Amino acid sequence: MVSTPRAPRVDIMLDEAVLRRGVDAEQLGHLVTVSRQPNVSLRVVPFNVDLHRASMTNGAFTILDFDGGSEPSIIYSDGLTGALYLDKPAEVEAYGDVWSATEEKALSEAQSRKLIASIAEEQT
C-alpha cells in the first residue's frame, strides 16, 4: 500500500504594502481561501509597525526546513542578478532571527484574513 506524503507546512508573512499594490480582489480572495488550509499560515505585517532593521533591507527570503531534521536548513533568497542558497549555521541563524522579529510584529492569522478581505472589498 502506497501512502500519500504529507503536504508541506507553509508559513508566509507578507507586508501589507504587497497586498495593496498590484493584487486584485480575486487574488486576495484566493489568499484568504488558501490561508484556511491546515498546513498554511498566512500572516500580514501591517503598515503601522516598526520592523527589524535587517528585514527592511534584506527583502524576501525563504527558510527551507526539512522534516525530521535529516538535512540542514537552507535560506533561499532571490535577487536581481540571481539566487542565493545559504546553509552555514550563522547565516541560517541570522535569517531565523529576522523571521522571529517579524513574526512578533505580524497580525494573527485571523486578523490577517480579515485585513486581506477588507482590502479586497476596497477594490470592488
C-alpha atoms as a PDB file:
ATOM      1  CA  MET A   1       0.000   0.000   0.000  1.00  0.00           C
ATOM      2  CA  VAL A   2       1.415   3.365  -1.054  1.00  0.00           C
ATOM      3  CA  SER A   3       0.819   6.211   1.355  1.00  0.00           C
ATOM      4  CA  THR A   4       0.366   9.779   0.231  1.00  0.00           C
ATOM      5  CA  PRO A   5       3.091  12.059   1.535  1.00  0.00           C
ATOM      6  CA  ARG A   6       2.027  14.730   3.974  1.00  0.00           C
ATOM      7  CA  ALA A   7       1.628  18.205   2.475  1.00  0.00           C
ATOM      8  CA  PRO A   8       4.480  20.555   3.370  1.00  0.00           C
ATOM      9  CA  ARG A   9       3.927  23.174   6.051  1.00  0.00           C
ATOM     10  CA  VAL A  10       3.963  26.687   4.598  1.00  0.00           C
ATOM     11  CA  ASP A  11       4.337  29.754   6.818  1.00  0.00           C
ATOM     12  CA  ILE A  12       4.060  33.060   4.975  1.00  0.00           C
ATOM     13  CA  MET A  13       4.413  36.628   6.142  1.00  0.00           C
ATOM     14  CA  LEU A  14       3.521  39.422   3.749  1.00  0.00           C
ATOM     15  CA  ASP A  15       3.961  43.139   4.136  1.00  0.00           C
ATOM     16  CA  GLU A  16       0.653  44.975   3.861  1.00  0.00           C
ATOM     17  CA  ALA A  17       2.128  47.031   1.002  1.00  0.00           C
ATOM     18  CA  VAL A  18       2.325  43.892  -1.146  1.00  0.00           C
ATOM     19  CA  LEU A  19      -1.412  43.351  -0.750  1.00  0.00           C
ATOM     20  CA  ARG A  20      -2.253  46.917  -1.725  1.00  0.00           C
ATOM     21  CA  ARG A  21      -0.022  47.088  -4.769  1.00  0.00           C
ATOM     22  CA  GLY A  22      -0.797  45.148  -7.925  1.00  0.00           C
ATOM     23  CA  VAL A  23      -3.010  42.445  -6.390  1.00  0.00           C
ATOM     24  CA  ASP A  24      -6.647  42.269  -7.471  1.00  0.00           C
ATOM     25  CA  ALA A  25      -9.676  41.327  -5.374  1.00  0.00           C
ATOM     26  CA  GLU A  26      -9.868  37.819  -6.840  1.00  0.00           C
ATOM     27  CA  GLN A  27      -6.239  37.111  -5.917  1.00  0.00           C
ATOM     28  CA  LEU A  28      -6.799  38.453  -2.419  1.00  0.00           C
ATOM     29  CA  GLY A  29      -9.850  36.213  -2.049  1.00  0.00           C
ATOM     30  CA  HIS A  30      -7.736  33.258  -3.107  1.00  0.00           C
ATOM     31  CA  LEU A  31      -5.170  34.133  -0.440  1.00  0.00           C
ATOM     32  CA  VAL A  32      -7.910  34.082   2.201  1.00  0.00           C
ATOM     33  CA  THR A  33      -9.119  30.680   0.949  1.00  0.00           C
ATOM     34  CA  VAL A  34      -5.631  29.171   0.880  1.00  0.00           C
ATOM     35  CA  SER A  35      -4.851  30.585   4.322  1.00  0.00           C
ATOM     36  CA  ARG A  36      -7.581  28.354   5.769  1.00  0.00           C
ATOM     37  CA  GLN A  37      -5.743  25.171   4.792  1.00  0.00           C
ATOM     38  CA  PRO A  38      -4.460  23.294   7.862  1.00  0.00           C
ATOM     39  CA  ASN A  39      -0.856  23.306   6.612  1.00  0.00           C
ATOM     40  CA  VAL A  40      -0.785  27.022   5.703  1.00  0.00           C
ATOM     41  CA  SER A  41      -0.165  30.009   7.943  1.00  0.00           C
ATOM     42  CA  LEU A  42      -0.537  33.398   6.282  1.00  0.00           C
ATOM     43  CA  ARG A  43       0.146  36.476   8.350  1.00  0.00           C
ATOM     44  CA  VAL A  44       0.326  40.146   7.402  1.00  0.00           C
ATOM     45  CA  VAL A  45       2.782  42.691   8.739  1.00  0.00           C
ATOM     46  CA  PRO A  46       0.742  45.918   8.891  1.00  0.00           C
ATOM     47  CA  PHE A  47       1.975  49.348   7.859  1.00  0.00           C
ATOM     48  CA  ASN A  48       1.918  50.703  11.405  1.00  0.00           C
ATOM     49  CA  VAL A  49       4.683  48.527  12.895  1.00  0.00           C
ATOM     50  CA  ASP A  50       8.410  49.116  13.056  1.00  0.00           C
ATOM     51  CA  LEU A  51      10.327  46.207  11.595  1.00  0.00           C
ATOM     52  CA  HIS A  52      13.705  44.741  12.419  1.00  0.00           C
ATOM     53  CA  ARG A  53      16.326  46.736  10.501  1.00  0.00           C
ATOM     54  CA  ALA A  54      17.545  43.641   8.634  1.00  0.00           C
ATOM     55  CA  SER A  55      14.064  42.736   7.401  1.00  0.00           C
ATOM     56  CA  MET A  56      13.695  46.162   5.797  1.00  0.00           C
ATOM     57  CA  THR A  57      16.996  45.942   3.926  1.00  0.00           C
ATOM     58  CA  ASN A  58      17.068  42.270   3.021  1.00  0.00           C
ATOM     59  CA  GLY A  59      13.814  41.736   1.134  1.00  0.00           C
ATOM     60  CA  ALA A  60      12.093  38.418   0.555  1.00  0.00           C
ATOM     61  CA  PHE A  61      13.628  35.149   1.631  1.00  0.00           C
ATOM     62  CA  THR A  62      12.561  31.570   2.221  1.00  0.00           C
ATOM     63  CA  ILE A  63      13.681  29.314   5.042  1.00  0.00           C
ATOM     64  CA  LEU A  64      13.599  25.683   3.965  1.00  0.00           C
ATOM     65  CA  ASP A  65      13.398  23.305   6.920  1.00  0.00           C
ATOM     66  CA  PHE A  66      13.283  19.608   6.231  1.00  0.00           C
ATOM     67  CA  ASP A  67      11.057  17.147   8.072  1.00  0.00           C
ATOM     68  CA  GLY A  68      12.820  15.144  10.718  1.00  0.00           C
ATOM     69  CA  GLY A  69      15.935  17.299  10.595  1.00  0.00           C
ATOM     70  CA  SER A  70      17.627  14.896   8.190  1.00  0.00           C
ATOM     71  CA  GLU A  71      19.018  17.850   6.242  1.00  0.00           C
ATOM     72  CA  PRO A  72      20.209  21.241   7.487  1.00  0.00           C
ATOM     73  CA  SER A  73      18.002  24.280   6.980  1.00  0.00           C
ATOM     74  CA  ILE A  74      18.677  26.362   3.876  1.00  0.00           C
ATOM     75  CA  ILE A  75      17.947  30.022   3.192  1.00  0.00           C
ATOM     76  CA  TYR A  76      16.826  30.879  -0.336  1.00  0.00           C
ATOM     77  CA  SER A  77      16.882  34.492  -1.463  1.00  0.00           C
ATOM     78  CA  ASP A  78      16.110  35.576  -4.997  1.00  0.00           C
ATOM     79  CA  GLY A  79      17.940  38.703  -6.072  1.00  0.00           C
ATOM     80  CA  LEU A  80      18.266  40.951  -9.071  1.00  0.00           C
ATOM     81  CA  THR A  81      21.204  39.026 -10.514  1.00  0.00           C
ATOM     82  CA  GLY A  82      20.446  35.525  -9.268  1.00  0.00           C
ATOM     83  CA  ALA A  83      19.553  33.358  -6.336  1.00  0.00           C
ATOM     84  CA  LEU A  84      21.411  32.748  -3.101  1.00  0.00           C
ATOM     85  CA  TYR A  85      21.356  29.488  -1.182  1.00  0.00           C
ATOM     86  CA  LEU A  86      22.793  29.907   2.297  1.00  0.00           C
ATOM     87  CA  ASP A  87      23.375  26.987   4.637  1.00  0.00           C
ATOM     88  CA  LYS A  88      26.070  27.994   7.098  1.00  0.00           C
ATOM     89  CA  PRO A  89      24.698  27.876  10.655  1.00  0.00           C
ATOM     90  CA  ALA A  90      25.427  31.581  11.290  1.00  0.00           C
ATOM     91  CA  GLU A  91      23.613  32.563   8.082  1.00  0.00           C
ATOM     92  CA  VAL A  92      20.589  30.423   8.889  1.00  0.00           C
ATOM     93  CA  GLU A  93      20.522  31.819  12.431  1.00  0.00           C
ATOM     94  CA  ALA A  94      20.653  35.429  11.184  1.00  0.00           C
ATOM     95  CA  TYR A  95      17.675  34.883   8.882  1.00  0.00           C
ATOM     96  CA  GLY A  96      15.870  32.977  11.625  1.00  0.00           C
ATOM     97  CA  ASP A  97      16.311  35.987  13.913  1.00  0.00           C
ATOM     98  CA  VAL A  98      14.812  38.294  11.276  1.00  0.00           C
ATOM     99  CA  TRP A  99      11.901  35.875  10.785  1.00  0.00           C
ATOM    100  CA  SER A 100      11.253  35.717  14.541  1.00  0.00           C
ATOM    101  CA  ALA A 101      11.403  39.504  14.942  1.00  0.00           C
ATOM    102  CA  THR A 102       8.999  39.983  12.030  1.00  0.00           C
ATOM    103  CA  GLU A 103       6.691  37.253  13.313  1.00  0.00           C
ATOM    104  CA  GLU A 104       6.336  39.132  16.610  1.00  0.00           C
ATOM    105  CA  LYS A 105       5.026  42.174  14.711  1.00  0.00           C
ATOM    106  CA  ALA A 106       2.678  40.363  12.316  1.00  0.00           C
ATOM    107  CA  LEU A 107      -1.073  40.152  12.784  1.00  0.00           C
ATOM    108  CA  SER A 108      -2.564  36.827  13.842  1.00  0.00           C
ATOM    109  CA  GLU A 109      -3.833  34.510  11.107  1.00  0.00           C
ATOM    110  CA  ALA A 110      -7.456  35.530  11.784  1.00  0.00           C
ATOM    111  CA  GLN A 111      -6.600  39.253  11.852  1.00  0.00           C
ATOM    112  CA  SER A 112      -4.619  38.812   8.626  1.00  0.00           C
ATOM    113  CA  ARG A 113      -7.544  37.126   6.849  1.00  0.00           C
ATOM    114  CA  LYS A 114      -9.815  39.952   7.998  1.00  0.00           C
ATOM    115  CA  LEU A 115      -7.403  42.603   6.698  1.00  0.00           C
ATOM    116  CA  ILE A 116      -6.938  40.827   3.351  1.00  0.00           C
ATOM    117  CA  ALA A 117     -10.714  40.516   2.932  1.00  0.00           C
ATOM    118  CA  SER A 118     -11.182  44.223   3.722  1.00  0.00           C
ATOM    119  CA  ILE A 119      -8.532  45.193   1.161  1.00  0.00           C
ATOM    120  CA  ALA A 120     -10.330  43.026  -1.409  1.00  0.00           C
ATOM    121  CA  GLU A 121     -13.621  44.802  -0.593  1.00  0.00           C
ATOM    122  CA  GLU A 122     -11.959  48.182  -1.092  1.00  0.00           C
ATOM    123  CA  GLN A 123     -11.137  47.137  -4.648  1.00  0.00           C
ATOM    124  CA  THR A 124     -14.696  46.193  -5.594  1.00  0.00           C
END
